[in-house]
Amino acid sequence: MLTKRKKANEIGKTSRHATDTGSPEVQVAVLTRRIEELSVHLDKNRKDKHSRRGLLGLVADRRKHLKYLEANNKRAYGTLVKKLGLKR
């Protein structure tokens, strides 16, 4: 589970300014962290179909944010993909 401390850490790494919590970069970083944690859970609990459905929703949501960021700010998109280690 993503705790407040972990979420604040991710926000601090990728925010544009001190009070930034809603930019696409921050949202993608938080979603990526949630996806990683849920993937670990699903490795241990293979029959948890409800969590798997949630994971697919998070991945789709992250893809939409990345697509928006790529269309509107290519430089920020490139640096974010490198920073998070995504395959795109």
C-alpha atoms as a PDB file:
ATOM      1  CA  MET A   1       0.000   0.000   0.000  1.00  0.00           C
ATOM      2  CA  LEU A   2       1.215   3.483  -0.841  1.00  0.00           C
ATOM      3  CA  THR A   3       1.674   5.367   2.424  1.00  0.00           C
ATOM      4  CA  LYS A   4       1.571   9.146   2.786  1.00  0.00           C
ATOM      5  CA  ARG A   5       5.328   9.256   3.252  1.00  0.00           C
ATOM      6  CA  LYS A   6       6.029   7.262   0.072  1.00  0.00           C
ATOM      7  CA  LYS A   7       3.562   9.356  -1.902  1.00  0.00           C
ATOM      8  CA  ALA A   8       5.083  12.607  -0.613  1.00  0.00           C
ATOM      9  CA  ASN A   9       8.517  11.308  -1.573  1.00  0.00           C
ATOM     10  CA  GLU A  10       7.391  10.603  -5.149  1.00  0.00           C
ATOM     11  CA  ILE A  11       5.724  14.015  -5.366  1.00  0.00           C
ATOM     12  CA  GLY A  12       8.880  15.703  -4.095  1.00  0.00           C
ATOM     13  CA  LYS A  13      11.034  14.024  -6.722  1.00  0.00           C
ATOM     14  CA  THR A  14       8.907  15.002  -9.726  1.00  0.00           C
ATOM     15  CA  SER A  15       6.999  18.166  -8.805  1.00  0.00           C
ATOM     16  CA  ARG A  16       7.421  21.337 -10.841  1.00  0.00           C
ATOM     17  CA  HIS A  17       7.197  23.623  -7.799  1.00  0.00           C
ATOM     18  CA  ALA A  18       6.705  23.379  -4.034  1.00  0.00           C
ATOM     19  CA  THR A  19       2.910  22.960  -4.002  1.00  0.00           C
ATOM     20  CA  ASP A  20       2.589  20.904  -7.200  1.00  0.00           C
ATOM     21  CA  THR A  21       0.506  17.757  -6.747  1.00  0.00           C
ATOM     22  CA  GLY A  22      -1.552  17.587  -9.928  1.00  0.00           C
ATOM     23  CA  SER A  23       0.821  17.945 -12.847  1.00  0.00           C
ATOM     24  CA  PRO A  24       0.997  15.001 -15.253  1.00  0.00           C
ATOM     25  CA  GLU A  25       4.569  14.251 -14.159  1.00  0.00           C
ATOM     26  CA  VAL A  26       3.541  13.871 -10.522  1.00  0.00           C
ATOM     27  CA  GLN A  27       0.487  11.802 -11.374  1.00  0.00           C
ATOM     28  CA  VAL A  28       2.515   9.433 -13.547  1.00  0.00           C
ATOM     29  CA  ALA A  29       5.138   9.038 -10.801  1.00  0.00           C
ATOM     30  CA  VAL A  30       2.513   8.211  -8.154  1.00  0.00           C
ATOM     31  CA  LEU A  31       0.722   5.809 -10.488  1.00  0.00           C
ATOM     32  CA  THR A  32       4.024   4.106 -11.325  1.00  0.00           C
ATOM     33  CA  ARG A  33       4.763   3.586  -7.627  1.00  0.00           C
ATOM     34  CA  ARG A  34       1.273   2.138  -7.043  1.00  0.00           C
ATOM     35  CA  ILE A  35       1.663  -0.156 -10.067  1.00  0.00           C
ATOM     36  CA  GLU A  36       5.011  -1.450  -8.793  1.00  0.00           C
ATOM     37  CA  GLU A  37       3.606  -2.205  -5.335  1.00  0.00           C
ATOM     38  CA  LEU A  38       0.504  -3.891  -6.733  1.00  0.00           C
ATOM     39  CA  SER A  39       2.640  -5.995  -9.081  1.00  0.00           C
ATOM     40  CA  VAL A  40       4.614  -7.313  -6.111  1.00  0.00           C
ATOM     41  CA  HIS A  41       1.340  -8.162  -4.359  1.00  0.00           C
ATOM     42  CA  LEU A  42       0.063 -10.014  -7.419  1.00  0.00           C
ATOM     43  CA  ASP A  43       3.269 -12.041  -7.701  1.00  0.00           C
ATOM     44  CA  LYS A  44       2.531 -13.443  -4.259  1.00  0.00           C
ATOM     45  CA  ASN A  45      -1.259 -13.710  -4.682  1.00  0.00           C
ATOM     46  CA  ARG A  46      -1.850 -15.030  -8.168  1.00  0.00           C
ATOM     47  CA  LYS A  47      -5.571 -15.689  -7.707  1.00  0.00           C
ATOM     48  CA  ASP A  48      -6.433 -12.153  -6.609  1.00  0.00           C
ATOM     49  CA  LYS A  49      -8.498 -11.216  -9.657  1.00  0.00           C
ATOM     50  CA  HIS A  50      -9.992  -8.072  -8.115  1.00  0.00           C
ATOM     51  CA  SER A  51      -6.591  -6.497  -7.543  1.00  0.00           C
ATOM     52  CA  ARG A  52      -5.506  -7.512 -11.039  1.00  0.00           C
ATOM     53  CA  ARG A  53      -8.443  -5.585 -12.475  1.00  0.00           C
ATOM     54  CA  GLY A  54      -7.431  -2.572 -10.430  1.00  0.00           C
ATOM     55  CA  LEU A  55      -3.877  -2.886 -11.726  1.00  0.00           C
ATOM     56  CA  LEU A  56      -5.097  -2.846 -15.318  1.00  0.00           C
ATOM     57  CA  GLY A  57      -7.054   0.332 -14.581  1.00  0.00           C
ATOM     58  CA  LEU A  58      -3.959   1.998 -13.109  1.00  0.00           C
ATOM     59  CA  VAL A  59      -1.874   1.021 -16.137  1.00  0.00           C
ATOM     60  CA  ALA A  60      -4.512   2.439 -18.494  1.00  0.00           C
ATOM     61  CA  ASP A  61      -4.673   5.645 -16.470  1.00  0.00           C
ATOM     62  CA  ARG A  62      -0.887   6.030 -16.549  1.00  0.00           C
ATOM     63  CA  ARG A  63      -0.877   5.443 -20.300  1.00  0.00           C
ATOM     64  CA  LYS A  64      -3.421   8.248 -20.784  1.00  0.00           C
ATOM     65  CA  HIS A  65      -1.348  10.660 -18.699  1.00  0.00           C
ATOM     66  CA  LEU A  66       1.815   9.744 -20.607  1.00  0.00           C
ATOM     67  CA  LYS A  67       0.068  10.203 -23.933  1.00  0.00           C
ATOM     68  CA  TYR A  68      -1.122  13.654 -22.859  1.00  0.00           C
ATOM     69  CA  LEU A  69       2.336  14.625 -21.651  1.00  0.00           C
ATOM     70  CA  GLU A  70       3.963  13.406 -24.870  1.00  0.00           C
ATOM     71  CA  ALA A  71       1.567  15.463 -26.972  1.00  0.00           C
ATOM     72  CA  ASN A  72       1.947  18.664 -24.961  1.00  0.00           C
ATOM     73  CA  ASN A  73       5.496  18.677 -23.549  1.00  0.00           C
ATOM     74  CA  LYS A  74       7.952  16.337 -25.228  1.00  0.00           C
ATOM     75  CA  ARG A  75      10.934  17.459 -23.155  1.00  0.00           C
ATOM     76  CA  ALA A  76       9.161  16.759 -19.841  1.00  0.00           C
ATOM     77  CA  TYR A  77       7.943  13.448 -21.259  1.00  0.00           C
ATOM     78  CA  GLY A  78      11.470  12.339 -22.178  1.00  0.00           C
ATOM     79  CA  THR A  79      12.975  13.251 -18.826  1.00  0.00           C
ATOM     80  CA  LEU A  80      10.127  11.582 -16.914  1.00  0.00           C
ATOM     81  CA  VAL A  81      10.423   8.329 -18.854  1.00  0.00           C
ATOM     82  CA  LYS A  82      14.161   8.233 -18.182  1.00  0.00           C
ATOM     83  CA  LYS A  83      13.735   9.108 -14.511  1.00  0.00           C
ATOM     84  CA  LEU A  84      11.088   6.441 -13.888  1.00  0.00           C
ATOM     85  CA  GLY A  85      12.708   3.833 -16.126  1.00  0.00           C
ATOM     86  CA  LEU A  86       9.665   3.208 -18.290  1.00  0.00           C
ATOM     87  CA  LYS A  87       9.934   1.299 -21.561  1.00  0.00           C
ATOM     88  CA  ARG A  88       8.413   3.951 -23.830  1.00  0.00           C
END
